Amino acid sequence: MNSWLFEKLHISWLLAVWCFGLTIGVISIHYIPRSFASESLFLLVGLVFFFVVMVWRWRFFVILAIISGVLVGLWRGEIGRKGVEVYDSLIGKIAIIQGRVLEDPDLDKNSQTVLRLGDLRMNNEKLPGPFWVRRQIKTQLSAVILWRLKVK
């Protein structure tokens, strides 16, 4: 056998390659059909591979480090995709979303008011994550804000 493949690599190189695989996995989940679902098994297998790579650190484990990173990245990307799935049906439509203003209003570079909303609800259904609203406001803000917004 080739002894070059069994030489040990520094752990930082393997970690860098693993992070590269993680990035590939997170990005590629957006190009995979929604019918594909990465289960928590991806995380488990990816972490087992990661452990094997970090313990033995052989050169040929670079490929296993990439595979491990991709598996964990697919799992993490799927979580992010599920978080925004609720909003996909709203794109290009007018929706009434209720929320609580989380921070003081701010002005952006175009003098539009920017609000960060949390505790979101639409049709009495809780929505995940915060929501940023940007709008030209000429009146005083009140405790209750009702806007008709088109989601872009």
C-alpha atoms as a PDB file:
ATOM      1  CA  MET A   1       0.000   0.000   0.000  1.00  0.00           C
ATOM      2  CA  ASN A   2       1.012   3.586  -0.528  1.00  0.00           C
ATOM      3  CA  SER A   3       2.405   4.946   2.728  1.00  0.00           C
ATOM      4  CA  TRP A   4       1.863   8.516   1.514  1.00  0.00           C
ATOM      5  CA  LEU A   5      -1.909   8.076   1.963  1.00  0.00           C
ATOM      6  CA  PHE A   6      -1.448   7.030   5.573  1.00  0.00           C
ATOM      7  CA  GLU A   7       0.648   9.979   6.655  1.00  0.00           C
ATOM      8  CA  LYS A   8      -1.034  12.127   9.279  1.00  0.00           C
ATOM      9  CA  LEU A   9      -2.310  15.576   8.371  1.00  0.00           C
ATOM     10  CA  HIS A  10      -2.511  18.456  10.767  1.00  0.00           C
ATOM     11  CA  ILE A  11      -5.975  18.676  12.262  1.00  0.00           C
ATOM     12  CA  SER A  12      -6.506  22.235  10.982  1.00  0.00           C
ATOM     13  CA  TRP A  13      -6.334  21.020   7.354  1.00  0.00           C
ATOM     14  CA  LEU A  14      -8.965  18.386   8.010  1.00  0.00           C
ATOM     15  CA  LEU A  15     -11.167  20.888   9.818  1.00  0.00           C
ATOM     16  CA  ALA A  16     -10.839  23.329   6.901  1.00  0.00           C
ATOM     17  CA  VAL A  17     -11.813  20.609   4.419  1.00  0.00           C
ATOM     18  CA  TRP A  18     -14.742  19.616   6.655  1.00  0.00           C
ATOM     19  CA  CYS A  19     -15.939  23.253   6.725  1.00  0.00           C
ATOM     20  CA  PHE A  20     -15.703  23.330   2.937  1.00  0.00           C
ATOM     21  CA  GLY A  21     -17.948  20.261   2.783  1.00  0.00           C
ATOM     22  CA  LEU A  22     -20.337  21.868   5.287  1.00  0.00           C
ATOM     23  CA  THR A  23     -20.630  24.925   3.060  1.00  0.00           C
ATOM     24  CA  ILE A  24     -21.274  22.757   0.005  1.00  0.00           C
ATOM     25  CA  GLY A  25     -24.028  20.908   1.884  1.00  0.00           C
ATOM     26  CA  VAL A  26     -25.795  24.044   3.128  1.00  0.00           C
ATOM     27  CA  ILE A  27     -25.723  25.683  -0.297  1.00  0.00           C
ATOM     28  CA  SER A  28     -26.695  22.565  -2.254  1.00  0.00           C
ATOM     29  CA  ILE A  29     -29.860  21.937  -0.230  1.00  0.00           C
ATOM     30  CA  HIS A  30     -31.467  24.840  -2.110  1.00  0.00           C
ATOM     31  CA  TYR A  31     -30.932  23.056  -5.427  1.00  0.00           C
ATOM     32  CA  ILE A  32     -32.323  19.721  -4.263  1.00  0.00           C
ATOM     33  CA  PRO A  33     -36.079  19.102  -4.714  1.00  0.00           C
ATOM     34  CA  ARG A  34     -38.265  19.563  -1.650  1.00  0.00           C
ATOM     35  CA  SER A  35     -39.215  15.902  -1.791  1.00  0.00           C
ATOM     36  CA  PHE A  36     -35.702  15.159  -0.550  1.00  0.00           C
ATOM     37  CA  ALA A  37     -35.597  15.363   3.232  1.00  0.00           C
ATOM     38  CA  SER A  38     -32.365  15.119   5.129  1.00  0.00           C
ATOM     39  CA  GLU A  39     -33.036  13.321   8.356  1.00  0.00           C
ATOM     40  CA  SER A  40     -31.176  13.552  11.625  1.00  0.00           C
ATOM     41  CA  LEU A  41     -29.463  10.364  10.456  1.00  0.00           C
ATOM     42  CA  PHE A  42     -27.398  12.635   8.181  1.00  0.00           C
ATOM     43  CA  LEU A  43     -26.172  14.490  11.259  1.00  0.00           C
ATOM     44  CA  LEU A  44     -25.372  11.286  13.113  1.00  0.00           C
ATOM     45  CA  VAL A  45     -23.469   9.683  10.229  1.00  0.00           C
ATOM     46  CA  GLY A  46     -21.690  12.953   9.469  1.00  0.00           C
ATOM     47  CA  LEU A  47     -20.541  13.341  13.076  1.00  0.00           C
ATOM     48  CA  VAL A  48     -19.364   9.722  13.238  1.00  0.00           C
ATOM     49  CA  PHE A  49     -17.320  10.284  10.063  1.00  0.00           C
ATOM     50  CA  PHE A  50     -15.999  13.535  11.540  1.00  0.00           C
ATOM     51  CA  PHE A  51     -14.900  11.728  14.685  1.00  0.00           C
ATOM     52  CA  VAL A  52     -13.105   9.027  12.649  1.00  0.00           C
ATOM     53  CA  VAL A  53     -11.345  11.674  10.551  1.00  0.00           C
ATOM     54  CA  MET A  54     -10.219  13.671  13.592  1.00  0.00           C
ATOM     55  CA  VAL A  55      -8.914  10.621  15.472  1.00  0.00           C
ATOM     56  CA  TRP A  56      -6.838   8.977  12.718  1.00  0.00           C
ATOM     57  CA  ARG A  57      -6.098  12.090  10.565  1.00  0.00           C
ATOM     58  CA  TRP A  58      -4.774  10.106   7.593  1.00  0.00           C
ATOM     59  CA  ARG A  59      -4.438  11.906   4.266  1.00  0.00           C
ATOM     60  CA  PHE A  60      -6.962   9.811   2.407  1.00  0.00           C
ATOM     61  CA  PHE A  61      -9.561  10.788   5.045  1.00  0.00           C
ATOM     62  CA  VAL A  62      -9.762  14.188   3.358  1.00  0.00           C
ATOM     63  CA  ILE A  63     -12.494  12.717   1.156  1.00  0.00           C
ATOM     64  CA  LEU A  64     -14.296  11.366   4.214  1.00  0.00           C
ATOM     65  CA  ALA A  65     -14.032  14.821   5.824  1.00  0.00           C
ATOM     66  CA  ILE A  66     -15.723  16.386   2.790  1.00  0.00           C
ATOM     67  CA  ILE A  67     -18.482  13.746   2.828  1.00  0.00           C
ATOM     68  CA  SER A  68     -18.962  14.294   6.556  1.00  0.00           C
ATOM     69  CA  GLY A  69     -19.212  18.058   6.091  1.00  0.00           C
ATOM     70  CA  VAL A  70     -21.687  17.701   3.228  1.00  0.00           C
ATOM     71  CA  LEU A  71     -23.928  15.404   5.297  1.00  0.00           C
ATOM     72  CA  VAL A  72     -23.970  17.792   8.258  1.00  0.00           C
ATOM     73  CA  GLY A  73     -24.469  20.727   5.874  1.00  0.00           C
ATOM     74  CA  LEU A  74     -27.446  19.045   4.220  1.00  0.00           C
ATOM     75  CA  TRP A  75     -28.998  18.460   7.632  1.00  0.00           C
ATOM     76  CA  ARG A  76     -28.422  22.081   8.692  1.00  0.00           C
ATOM     77  CA  GLY A  77     -29.594  23.478   5.360  1.00  0.00           C
ATOM     78  CA  GLU A  78     -32.803  21.474   5.595  1.00  0.00           C
ATOM     79  CA  ILE A  79     -33.573  23.115   8.939  1.00  0.00           C
ATOM     80  CA  GLY A  80     -33.141  26.530   7.347  1.00  0.00           C
ATOM     81  CA  ARG A  81     -35.258  25.553   4.352  1.00  0.00           C
ATOM     82  CA  LYS A  82     -38.097  24.371   6.572  1.00  0.00           C
ATOM     83  CA  GLY A  83     -37.947  27.682   8.445  1.00  0.00           C
ATOM     84  CA  VAL A  84     -38.699  29.731   5.337  1.00  0.00           C
ATOM     85  CA  GLU A  85     -41.055  27.263   3.654  1.00  0.00           C
ATOM     86  CA  VAL A  86     -44.025  28.984   5.305  1.00  0.00           C
ATOM     87  CA  TYR A  87     -43.225  32.202   3.496  1.00  0.00           C
ATOM     88  CA  ASP A  88     -42.846  30.680   0.009  1.00  0.00           C
ATOM     89  CA  SER A  89     -46.597  30.725  -0.585  1.00  0.00           C
ATOM     90  CA  LEU A  90     -46.723  34.441   0.258  1.00  0.00           C
ATOM     91  CA  ILE A  91     -44.291  35.683  -2.385  1.00  0.00           C
ATOM     92  CA  GLY A  92     -46.035  38.112  -4.727  1.00  0.00           C
ATOM     93  CA  LYS A  93     -49.259  38.142  -2.676  1.00  0.00           C
ATOM     94  CA  ILE A  94     -50.765  40.533  -0.181  1.00  0.00           C
ATOM     95  CA  ALA A  95     -50.805  39.118   3.335  1.00  0.00           C
ATOM     96  CA  ILE A  96     -51.799  40.339   6.771  1.00  0.00           C
ATOM     97  CA  ILE A  97     -49.094  39.401   9.229  1.00  0.00           C
ATOM     98  CA  GLN A  98     -49.376  40.468  12.839  1.00  0.00           C
ATOM     99  CA  GLY A  99     -46.322  40.922  15.000  1.00  0.00           C
ATOM    100  CA  ARG A 100     -44.793  42.745  17.916  1.00  0.00           C
ATOM    101  CA  VAL A 101     -42.214  45.454  17.260  1.00  0.00           C
ATOM    102  CA  LEU A 102     -38.970  44.138  18.781  1.00  0.00           C
ATOM    103  CA  GLU A 103     -36.693  47.160  18.410  1.00  0.00           C
ATOM    104  CA  ASP A 104     -36.872  50.901  18.019  1.00  0.00           C
ATOM    105  CA  PRO A 105     -37.681  51.990  14.473  1.00  0.00           C
ATOM    106  CA  ASP A 106     -34.672  52.848  12.358  1.00  0.00           C
ATOM    107  CA  LEU A 107     -34.180  54.751   9.108  1.00  0.00           C
ATOM    108  CA  ASP A 108     -32.343  53.214   6.182  1.00  0.00           C
ATOM    109  CA  LYS A 109     -30.320  55.095   3.559  1.00  0.00           C
ATOM    110  CA  ASN A 110     -33.498  55.912   1.583  1.00  0.00           C
ATOM    111  CA  SER A 111     -35.196  57.464   4.649  1.00  0.00           C
ATOM    112  CA  GLN A 112     -37.575  54.540   4.933  1.00  0.00           C
ATOM    113  CA  THR A 113     -38.581  53.295   8.362  1.00  0.00           C
ATOM    114  CA  VAL A 114     -37.319  49.811   9.171  1.00  0.00           C
ATOM    115  CA  LEU A 115     -39.090  47.745  11.817  1.00  0.00           C
ATOM    116  CA  ARG A 116     -38.154  44.320  13.145  1.00  0.00           C
ATOM    117  CA  LEU A 117     -41.217  42.290  14.069  1.00  0.00           C
ATOM    118  CA  GLY A 118     -41.364  39.169  16.227  1.00  0.00           C
ATOM    119  CA  ASP A 119     -44.091  36.907  17.651  1.00  0.00           C
ATOM    120  CA  LEU A 120     -45.517  36.679  14.151  1.00  0.00           C
ATOM    121  CA  ARG A 121     -48.984  35.378  13.434  1.00  0.00           C
ATOM    122  CA  MET A 122     -50.950  34.939  10.244  1.00  0.00           C
ATOM    123  CA  ASN A 123     -54.520  33.639  10.440  1.00  0.00           C
ATOM    124  CA  ASN A 124     -53.885  32.799  14.127  1.00  0.00           C
ATOM    125  CA  GLU A 125     -51.002  30.548  13.119  1.00  0.00           C
ATOM    126  CA  LYS A 126     -47.546  31.222  14.573  1.00  0.00           C
ATOM    127  CA  LEU A 127     -44.828  31.935  12.025  1.00  0.00           C
ATOM    128  CA  PRO A 128     -41.121  31.229  12.555  1.00  0.00           C
ATOM    129  CA  GLY A 129     -38.406  33.850  12.785  1.00  0.00           C
ATOM    130  CA  PRO A 130     -38.370  37.626  12.747  1.00  0.00           C
ATOM    131  CA  PHE A 131     -39.753  39.784   9.968  1.00  0.00           C
ATOM    132  CA  TRP A 132     -38.301  43.073   8.780  1.00  0.00           C
ATOM    133  CA  VAL A 133     -40.644  45.681   7.367  1.00  0.00           C
ATOM    134  CA  ARG A 134     -39.402  48.675   5.415  1.00  0.00           C
ATOM    135  CA  ARG A 135     -41.873  51.416   4.595  1.00  0.00           C
ATOM    136  CA  GLN A 136     -42.076  55.163   3.993  1.00  0.00           C
ATOM    137  CA  ILE A 137     -43.985  56.559   7.005  1.00  0.00           C
ATOM    138  CA  LYS A 138     -45.092  60.167   7.178  1.00  0.00           C
ATOM    139  CA  THR A 139     -47.213  59.836  10.317  1.00  0.00           C
ATOM    140  CA  GLN A 140     -46.433  59.120  13.947  1.00  0.00           C
ATOM    141  CA  LEU A 141     -46.035  55.432  14.812  1.00  0.00           C
ATOM    142  CA  SER A 142     -48.604  54.036  17.195  1.00  0.00           C
ATOM    143  CA  ALA A 143     -48.817  50.853  19.252  1.00  0.00           C
ATOM    144  CA  VAL A 144     -50.895  49.162  16.545  1.00  0.00           C
ATOM    145  CA  ILE A 145     -49.559  49.216  13.021  1.00  0.00           C
ATOM    146  CA  LEU A 146     -51.644  47.879  10.172  1.00  0.00           C
ATOM    147  CA  TRP A 147     -50.068  47.793   6.740  1.00  0.00           C
ATOM    148  CA  ARG A 148     -51.062  45.990   3.626  1.00  0.00           C
ATOM    149  CA  LEU A 149     -47.805  44.604   2.314  1.00  0.00           C
ATOM    150  CA  LYS A 150     -46.821  42.720  -0.759  1.00  0.00           C
ATOM    151  CA  VAL A 151     -44.227  40.088   0.163  1.00  0.00           C
ATOM    152  CA  LYS A 152     -41.194  40.165  -2.166  1.00  0.00           C
END
